[in-house]
């Protein structure tokens, strides 16, 4: 699977650990930055991840920040993105099973490294249940279509 990943300065170190995990599991990674723990504006690094997933150049995305809230907000501005902020293995499994979340947001200051890596694995391995949940995804897609703007290169 091909993953896009991006973080702000607060998520920079955890991003490196996640990249090593995904590479070790033989996934392809595109790192959209940031490249240090120097303060940055997170939308500049999160938007490209979400756009890559929306365009299909990445299968899924992972975004990281201090709490993960702002990163989820940015990602969810892109039509076609269903970004879930997860804080446990259970929330990671449910966002995949019920919502087919294609972007995962993590709060690097809210989770231990061990918990964060476990959440990533659960999120990767959990399939979408389909069935009754498809109807809800169609409703989300209808909302996206109402507000869709062309993606800028």
N, C-alpha and C. Protein backbone atom coordinates (compact mmCIF):
# COMPACT_ATOMS: atom_id res chain seq x y z
N UNK A 1 0.84 -1.16 0.00
CA UNK A 1 0.00 0.00 0.00
C UNK A 1 0.89 1.24 0.00
N UNK A 2 0.42 2.30 -0.62
CA UNK A 2 1.17 3.56 -0.67
C UNK A 2 0.55 4.55 0.30
N UNK A 3 1.37 5.06 1.21
CA UNK A 3 0.94 5.99 2.23
C UNK A 3 1.59 7.35 2.03
N UNK A 4 0.80 8.40 2.22
CA UNK A 4 1.32 9.75 2.36
C UNK A 4 1.35 10.05 3.85
N UNK A 5 2.37 10.77 4.28
CA UNK A 5 2.47 11.11 5.71
C UNK A 5 2.98 12.53 5.84
N UNK A 6 2.43 13.25 6.80
CA UNK A 6 2.87 14.61 7.04
C UNK A 6 2.62 14.98 8.49
N UNK A 7 3.43 15.92 8.97
CA UNK A 7 3.30 16.33 10.36
C UNK A 7 3.72 17.78 10.52
N UNK A 8 3.36 18.32 11.67
CA UNK A 8 3.95 19.58 12.09
C UNK A 8 5.16 19.25 12.95
N UNK A 9 5.72 20.27 13.57
CA UNK A 9 6.91 20.08 14.40
C UNK A 9 6.66 19.15 15.59
N UNK A 10 5.45 19.20 16.16
CA UNK A 10 5.15 18.36 17.32
C UNK A 10 5.09 16.88 16.95
N UNK A 11 4.72 16.59 15.73
CA UNK A 11 4.61 15.20 15.29
C UNK A 11 5.83 14.67 14.56
N UNK A 12 6.85 15.52 14.39
CA UNK A 12 8.00 15.15 13.57
C UNK A 12 8.68 13.85 14.03
N UNK A 13 8.97 13.71 15.30
CA UNK A 13 9.70 12.52 15.77
C UNK A 13 8.84 11.25 15.65
N UNK A 14 7.57 11.34 15.99
CA UNK A 14 6.68 10.19 15.86
C UNK A 14 6.51 9.82 14.39
N UNK A 15 6.49 10.80 13.52
CA UNK A 15 6.39 10.53 12.08
C UNK A 15 7.53 9.64 11.62
N UNK A 16 8.73 9.90 12.10
CA UNK A 16 9.88 9.06 11.74
C UNK A 16 9.70 7.63 12.19
N UNK A 17 9.17 7.44 13.38
CA UNK A 17 8.91 6.08 13.90
C UNK A 17 7.87 5.37 13.05
N UNK A 18 6.82 6.09 12.65
CA UNK A 18 5.77 5.49 11.82
C UNK A 18 6.31 5.14 10.44
N UNK A 19 7.14 6.01 9.89
CA UNK A 19 7.75 5.71 8.58
C UNK A 19 8.58 4.43 8.67
N UNK A 20 9.36 4.28 9.74
CA UNK A 20 10.16 3.05 9.91
C UNK A 20 9.25 1.83 10.03
N UNK A 21 8.17 1.96 10.78
CA UNK A 21 7.21 0.86 10.92
C UNK A 21 6.63 0.47 9.56
N UNK A 22 6.14 1.44 8.82
CA UNK A 22 5.51 1.16 7.53
C UNK A 22 6.49 0.61 6.51
N UNK A 23 7.69 1.15 6.50
CA UNK A 23 8.73 0.65 5.60
C UNK A 23 9.06 -0.80 5.95
N UNK A 24 9.15 -1.10 7.23
CA UNK A 24 9.42 -2.47 7.68
C UNK A 24 8.31 -3.44 7.29
N UNK A 25 7.11 -2.92 7.11
CA UNK A 25 5.98 -3.74 6.67
C UNK A 25 5.84 -3.75 5.15
N UNK A 26 6.84 -3.19 4.46
CA UNK A 26 6.94 -3.20 2.99
C UNK A 26 5.90 -2.31 2.31
N UNK A 27 5.53 -1.21 2.96
CA UNK A 27 4.65 -0.23 2.35
C UNK A 27 5.50 0.87 1.73
N UNK A 28 4.96 1.53 0.71
CA UNK A 28 5.62 2.68 0.09
C UNK A 28 5.18 3.94 0.81
N UNK A 29 6.11 4.86 1.03
CA UNK A 29 5.83 6.07 1.80
C UNK A 29 6.23 7.29 0.99
N UNK A 30 5.35 8.29 0.98
CA UNK A 30 5.72 9.63 0.53
C UNK A 30 5.63 10.54 1.74
N UNK A 31 6.75 11.12 2.10
CA UNK A 31 6.84 12.01 3.26
C UNK A 31 6.68 13.44 2.78
N UNK A 32 5.61 14.09 3.20
CA UNK A 32 5.32 15.46 2.80
C UNK A 32 5.87 16.49 3.80
N UNK A 33 6.70 16.03 4.76
CA UNK A 33 7.30 16.95 5.70
C UNK A 33 6.48 17.08 6.96
N UNK A 34 6.92 17.84 7.84
CA UNK A 34 8.06 18.70 7.96
C UNK A 34 9.31 17.86 8.21
N UNK A 35 10.45 18.51 8.10
CA UNK A 35 11.72 17.80 8.18
C UNK A 35 12.51 18.08 9.45
N UNK A 36 11.87 18.71 10.43
CA UNK A 36 12.55 18.97 11.71
C UNK A 36 11.50 19.30 12.76
N UNK A 37 11.97 19.55 13.98
CA UNK A 37 11.05 19.95 15.04
C UNK A 37 10.99 21.47 15.21
N UNK A 38 11.48 22.20 14.21
CA UNK A 38 11.35 23.67 14.21
C UNK A 38 9.89 24.04 13.95
N UNK A 39 9.35 25.02 14.65
CA UNK A 39 7.93 25.38 14.49
C UNK A 39 7.54 25.69 13.04
N UNK A 40 6.41 25.12 12.64
CA UNK A 40 5.87 25.31 11.29
C UNK A 40 4.35 25.45 11.38
N UNK A 41 3.75 25.84 10.28
CA UNK A 41 2.30 25.92 10.17
C UNK A 41 1.80 24.61 9.56
N UNK A 42 1.10 23.81 10.36
CA UNK A 42 0.73 22.45 9.96
C UNK A 42 -0.10 22.36 8.67
N UNK A 43 -0.95 23.32 8.31
CA UNK A 43 -1.71 23.14 7.06
C UNK A 43 -0.82 22.96 5.83
N UNK A 44 0.38 23.53 5.87
CA UNK A 44 1.28 23.42 4.73
C UNK A 44 1.77 22.00 4.49
N UNK A 45 1.73 21.16 5.51
CA UNK A 45 2.22 19.79 5.40
C UNK A 45 1.10 18.75 5.40
N UNK A 46 -0.06 19.14 5.88
CA UNK A 46 -1.19 18.22 5.95
C UNK A 46 -1.99 18.24 4.65
N UNK A 47 -2.21 19.41 4.10
CA UNK A 47 -2.99 19.52 2.86
C UNK A 47 -2.43 18.63 1.74
N UNK A 48 -1.11 18.64 1.49
CA UNK A 48 -0.60 17.77 0.42
C UNK A 48 -0.85 16.29 0.65
N UNK A 49 -0.84 15.85 1.89
CA UNK A 49 -1.16 14.45 2.20
C UNK A 49 -2.59 14.16 1.78
N UNK A 50 -3.52 14.99 2.22
CA UNK A 50 -4.93 14.78 1.91
C UNK A 50 -5.19 14.87 0.41
N UNK A 51 -4.55 15.80 -0.27
CA UNK A 51 -4.74 15.91 -1.72
C UNK A 51 -4.20 14.68 -2.44
N UNK A 52 -3.09 14.14 -1.98
CA UNK A 52 -2.53 12.93 -2.62
C UNK A 52 -3.49 11.76 -2.46
N UNK A 53 -4.14 11.64 -1.31
CA UNK A 53 -5.12 10.57 -1.12
C UNK A 53 -6.35 10.83 -1.99
N UNK A 54 -6.82 12.07 -2.01
CA UNK A 54 -8.01 12.41 -2.82
C UNK A 54 -7.77 12.17 -4.31
N UNK A 55 -6.55 12.45 -4.77
CA UNK A 55 -6.21 12.26 -6.19
C UNK A 55 -5.89 10.80 -6.53
N UNK A 56 -5.64 9.98 -5.50
CA UNK A 56 -5.32 8.58 -5.73
C UNK A 56 -3.84 8.30 -5.91
N UNK A 57 -2.98 9.28 -5.71
CA UNK A 57 -1.55 9.01 -5.80
C UNK A 57 -1.03 8.31 -4.55
N UNK A 58 -1.79 8.40 -3.46
CA UNK A 58 -1.54 7.62 -2.25
C UNK A 58 -2.84 6.90 -1.90
N UNK A 59 -2.72 5.68 -1.42
CA UNK A 59 -3.91 4.92 -1.03
C UNK A 59 -4.54 5.47 0.25
N UNK A 60 -3.69 5.80 1.21
CA UNK A 60 -4.15 6.35 2.48
C UNK A 60 -3.12 7.35 2.99
N UNK A 61 -3.53 8.12 3.99
CA UNK A 61 -2.64 9.12 4.57
C UNK A 61 -2.63 9.05 6.08
N UNK A 62 -1.52 9.51 6.66
CA UNK A 62 -1.38 9.64 8.11
C UNK A 62 -0.86 11.04 8.37
N UNK A 63 -1.56 11.76 9.27
CA UNK A 63 -1.15 13.11 9.62
C UNK A 63 -0.98 13.20 11.13
N UNK A 64 0.00 14.00 11.54
CA UNK A 64 0.34 14.08 12.96
C UNK A 64 0.56 15.52 13.38
N UNK A 65 0.16 15.79 14.61
CA UNK A 65 0.41 17.08 15.23
C UNK A 65 0.45 16.89 16.73
N UNK A 66 0.40 17.99 17.47
CA UNK A 66 0.42 17.90 18.92
C UNK A 66 -0.80 17.16 19.44
N UNK A 67 -1.98 17.62 19.05
CA UNK A 67 -3.22 16.94 19.47
C UNK A 67 -3.84 16.14 18.33
N UNK A 68 -3.51 16.47 17.10
CA UNK A 68 -4.11 15.82 15.93
C UNK A 68 -5.40 16.48 15.49
N UNK A 69 -5.94 17.38 16.29
CA UNK A 69 -7.21 18.03 15.94
C UNK A 69 -7.11 18.92 14.71
N UNK A 70 -6.17 19.85 14.71
CA UNK A 70 -6.03 20.76 13.57
C UNK A 70 -5.71 20.00 12.30
N UNK A 71 -4.89 18.97 12.42
CA UNK A 71 -4.51 18.18 11.26
C UNK A 71 -5.73 17.49 10.66
N UNK A 72 -6.60 16.94 11.51
CA UNK A 72 -7.83 16.31 11.03
C UNK A 72 -8.73 17.34 10.35
N UNK A 73 -8.80 18.53 10.93
CA UNK A 73 -9.63 19.59 10.35
C UNK A 73 -9.16 19.96 8.95
N UNK A 74 -7.85 20.11 8.80
CA UNK A 74 -7.30 20.46 7.48
C UNK A 74 -7.58 19.34 6.48
N UNK A 75 -7.26 18.12 6.85
CA UNK A 75 -7.45 16.99 5.92
C UNK A 75 -8.91 16.88 5.49
N UNK A 76 -9.83 17.07 6.41
CA UNK A 76 -11.25 16.92 6.10
C UNK A 76 -11.82 18.06 5.26
N UNK A 77 -11.05 19.09 4.99
CA UNK A 77 -11.47 20.15 4.07
C UNK A 77 -11.38 19.69 2.62
N UNK A 78 -10.60 18.65 2.37
CA UNK A 78 -10.40 18.16 1.01
C UNK A 78 -11.51 17.18 0.66
N UNK A 79 -12.29 17.45 -0.39
CA UNK A 79 -13.37 16.53 -0.78
C UNK A 79 -12.83 15.11 -1.01
N UNK A 80 -13.58 14.16 -0.51
CA UNK A 80 -13.20 12.76 -0.66
C UNK A 80 -12.40 12.21 0.51
N UNK A 81 -11.99 13.09 1.40
CA UNK A 81 -11.21 12.65 2.56
C UNK A 81 -12.13 12.38 3.73
N UNK A 82 -11.87 11.25 4.38
CA UNK A 82 -12.55 10.88 5.62
C UNK A 82 -11.45 10.64 6.65
N UNK A 83 -11.03 11.73 7.27
CA UNK A 83 -9.93 11.67 8.24
C UNK A 83 -10.50 11.49 9.64
N UNK A 84 -9.95 10.52 10.36
CA UNK A 84 -10.39 10.25 11.72
C UNK A 84 -9.25 10.50 12.69
N UNK A 85 -9.55 11.25 13.74
CA UNK A 85 -8.62 11.43 14.85
C UNK A 85 -8.79 10.24 15.78
N UNK A 86 -7.74 9.47 15.94
CA UNK A 86 -7.83 8.25 16.76
C UNK A 86 -6.93 8.36 17.98
N UNK A 87 -7.42 7.84 19.08
CA UNK A 87 -6.68 7.86 20.35
C UNK A 87 -6.62 6.48 20.99
N UNK A 88 -7.14 5.46 20.30
CA UNK A 88 -7.11 4.10 20.82
C UNK A 88 -7.22 3.13 19.66
N UNK A 89 -6.89 1.88 19.95
CA UNK A 89 -7.05 0.84 18.92
C UNK A 89 -8.52 0.70 18.53
N UNK A 90 -9.40 0.87 19.51
CA UNK A 90 -10.83 0.75 19.22
C UNK A 90 -11.31 1.84 18.26
N UNK A 91 -10.89 3.09 18.48
CA UNK A 91 -11.31 4.16 17.56
C UNK A 91 -10.71 3.93 16.18
N UNK A 92 -9.50 3.39 16.11
CA UNK A 92 -8.87 3.10 14.82
C UNK A 92 -9.64 2.02 14.07
N UNK A 93 -10.03 0.96 14.78
CA UNK A 93 -10.79 -0.12 14.14
C UNK A 93 -12.15 0.36 13.68
N UNK A 94 -12.84 1.12 14.52
CA UNK A 94 -14.18 1.57 14.16
C UNK A 94 -14.18 2.56 12.99
N UNK A 95 -13.18 3.43 12.93
CA UNK A 95 -13.16 4.39 11.82
C UNK A 95 -12.92 3.70 10.48
N UNK A 96 -12.26 2.57 10.51
CA UNK A 96 -12.07 1.79 9.29
C UNK A 96 -13.33 0.96 8.99
N UNK A 97 -13.83 0.23 9.99
CA UNK A 97 -14.98 -0.65 9.80
C UNK A 97 -16.22 0.11 9.37
N UNK A 98 -16.50 1.22 10.01
CA UNK A 98 -17.76 1.92 9.79
C UNK A 98 -17.67 3.11 8.86
N UNK A 99 -16.49 3.75 8.78
CA UNK A 99 -16.36 4.99 8.02
C UNK A 99 -15.39 4.91 6.85
N UNK A 100 -14.72 3.78 6.69
CA UNK A 100 -13.71 3.62 5.64
C UNK A 100 -12.74 4.81 5.64
N UNK A 101 -12.29 5.21 6.83
CA UNK A 101 -11.39 6.35 6.96
C UNK A 101 -10.15 6.14 6.09
N UNK A 102 -9.87 7.14 5.25
CA UNK A 102 -8.71 7.03 4.37
C UNK A 102 -7.52 7.87 4.84
N UNK A 103 -7.72 8.65 5.89
CA UNK A 103 -6.62 9.38 6.53
C UNK A 103 -6.77 9.22 8.04
N UNK A 104 -5.65 8.96 8.69
CA UNK A 104 -5.57 8.81 10.13
C UNK A 104 -4.86 10.01 10.72
N UNK A 105 -5.43 10.62 11.74
CA UNK A 105 -4.78 11.72 12.45
C UNK A 105 -4.43 11.25 13.86
N UNK A 106 -3.21 11.58 14.27
CA UNK A 106 -2.73 11.20 15.60
C UNK A 106 -2.16 12.42 16.32
N UNK A 107 -2.41 12.49 17.61
CA UNK A 107 -1.85 13.52 18.46
C UNK A 107 -0.58 13.02 19.13
N UNK A 108 0.55 13.49 18.65
CA UNK A 108 1.83 13.00 19.16
C UNK A 108 2.04 13.32 20.64
N UNK A 109 1.42 14.38 21.12
CA UNK A 109 1.56 14.75 22.53
C UNK A 109 0.52 14.06 23.41
N UNK A 110 -0.38 13.33 22.79
CA UNK A 110 -1.48 12.71 23.51
C UNK A 110 -1.30 11.21 23.71
N UNK A 111 -0.35 10.62 22.99
CA UNK A 111 -0.19 9.16 22.95
C UNK A 111 1.24 8.76 23.25
N UNK A 112 1.41 7.60 23.84
CA UNK A 112 2.75 7.04 23.94
C UNK A 112 3.14 6.55 22.54
N UNK A 113 4.42 6.42 22.32
CA UNK A 113 4.89 5.89 21.03
C UNK A 113 4.31 4.50 20.79
N UNK A 114 4.33 3.67 21.81
CA UNK A 114 3.81 2.30 21.69
C UNK A 114 2.33 2.31 21.29
N UNK A 115 1.53 3.14 21.94
CA UNK A 115 0.10 3.21 21.60
C UNK A 115 -0.10 3.73 20.18
N UNK A 116 0.65 4.75 19.80
CA UNK A 116 0.51 5.32 18.46
C UNK A 116 0.83 4.28 17.39
N UNK A 117 1.89 3.53 17.57
CA UNK A 117 2.27 2.52 16.57
C UNK A 117 1.23 1.40 16.52
N UNK A 118 0.69 1.05 17.65
CA UNK A 118 -0.37 0.02 17.68
C UNK A 118 -1.62 0.52 16.94
N UNK A 119 -1.97 1.77 17.15
CA UNK A 119 -3.12 2.37 16.45
C UNK A 119 -2.90 2.31 14.94
N UNK A 120 -1.70 2.65 14.50
CA UNK A 120 -1.39 2.61 13.06
C UNK A 120 -1.58 1.20 12.52
N UNK A 121 -1.07 0.21 13.20
CA UNK A 121 -1.20 -1.18 12.74
C UNK A 121 -2.67 -1.60 12.67
N UNK A 122 -3.42 -1.29 13.70
CA UNK A 122 -4.86 -1.64 13.69
C UNK A 122 -5.55 -0.94 12.54
N UNK A 123 -5.26 0.33 12.33
CA UNK A 123 -5.89 1.10 11.26
C UNK A 123 -5.55 0.53 9.87
N UNK A 124 -4.32 0.10 9.70
CA UNK A 124 -3.91 -0.48 8.41
C UNK A 124 -4.59 -1.83 8.17
N UNK A 125 -4.68 -2.64 9.21
CA UNK A 125 -5.14 -4.02 9.05
C UNK A 125 -6.66 -4.18 9.08
N UNK A 126 -7.38 -3.17 9.52
CA UNK A 126 -8.83 -3.31 9.65
C UNK A 126 -9.52 -2.96 8.34
N UNK A 127 -10.31 -3.88 7.79
CA UNK A 127 -11.03 -3.59 6.55
C UNK A 127 -12.34 -2.84 6.82
N UNK A 128 -12.86 -2.23 5.78
CA UNK A 128 -14.17 -1.59 5.81
C UNK A 128 -15.24 -2.67 5.77
N UNK A 129 -16.24 -2.55 6.64
CA UNK A 129 -17.31 -3.55 6.71
C UNK A 129 -18.28 -3.49 5.54
N UNK A 130 -18.42 -2.32 4.91
CA UNK A 130 -19.39 -2.19 3.83
C UNK A 130 -20.80 -2.30 4.36
N UNK A 131 -21.66 -2.99 3.63
CA UNK A 131 -23.03 -3.21 4.08
C UNK A 131 -23.76 -1.92 4.38
N UNK A 132 -24.38 -1.87 5.55
CA UNK A 132 -25.19 -0.71 5.93
C UNK A 132 -24.39 0.58 5.99
N UNK A 133 -23.08 0.47 6.13
CA UNK A 133 -22.24 1.66 6.22
C UNK A 133 -22.05 2.34 4.87
N UNK A 134 -22.25 1.61 3.78
CA UNK A 134 -22.14 2.21 2.45
C UNK A 134 -23.12 3.35 2.26
N UNK A 135 -24.32 3.19 2.77
CA UNK A 135 -25.35 4.22 2.65
C UNK A 135 -24.85 5.52 3.29
N UNK A 136 -24.21 5.42 4.42
CA UNK A 136 -23.70 6.60 5.11
C UNK A 136 -22.54 7.24 4.36
N UNK A 137 -21.70 6.42 3.77
CA UNK A 137 -20.60 6.98 2.97
C UNK A 137 -21.13 7.71 1.75
N UNK A 138 -22.21 7.19 1.16
CA UNK A 138 -22.83 7.88 0.03
C UNK A 138 -23.38 9.24 0.46
N UNK A 139 -23.94 9.31 1.65
CA UNK A 139 -24.45 10.59 2.16
C UNK A 139 -23.29 11.58 2.39
N UNK A 140 -22.18 11.09 2.90
CA UNK A 140 -21.00 11.95 3.06
C UNK A 140 -20.52 12.43 1.69
N UNK A 141 -20.50 11.55 0.71
CA UNK A 141 -20.06 11.92 -0.64
C UNK A 141 -20.99 12.97 -1.24
N UNK A 142 -22.27 12.89 -0.95
CA UNK A 142 -23.21 13.92 -1.44
C UNK A 142 -22.88 15.28 -0.85
N UNK A 143 -22.53 15.32 0.41
CA UNK A 143 -22.13 16.59 1.04
C UNK A 143 -20.86 17.11 0.39
N UNK A 144 -19.88 16.23 0.18
CA UNK A 144 -18.64 16.63 -0.51
C UNK A 144 -18.95 17.25 -1.86
N UNK A 145 -19.85 16.61 -2.61
CA UNK A 145 -20.16 17.07 -3.96
C UNK A 145 -20.77 18.49 -3.93
N UNK A 146 -21.53 18.80 -2.90
CA UNK A 146 -22.14 20.13 -2.79
C UNK A 146 -21.10 21.23 -2.66
N UNK A 147 -19.98 20.91 -2.05
CA UNK A 147 -18.98 21.94 -1.75
C UNK A 147 -17.66 21.72 -2.50
N UNK A 148 -17.66 20.81 -3.44
CA UNK A 148 -16.42 20.45 -4.14
C UNK A 148 -15.87 21.63 -4.93
N UNK A 149 -14.60 21.85 -4.74
CA UNK A 149 -13.86 22.83 -5.54
C UNK A 149 -12.73 22.06 -6.21
N UNK A 150 -12.30 22.51 -7.38
CA UNK A 150 -11.20 21.78 -8.04
C UNK A 150 -9.94 21.80 -7.17
N UNK A 151 -9.21 20.67 -7.17
CA UNK A 151 -7.94 20.61 -6.47
C UNK A 151 -6.90 21.39 -7.25
N UNK A 152 -6.11 22.15 -6.55
CA UNK A 152 -5.04 22.91 -7.21
C UNK A 152 -3.77 22.07 -7.21
N UNK A 153 -3.05 22.07 -8.34
CA UNK A 153 -1.81 21.27 -8.40
C UNK A 153 -0.75 21.73 -7.43
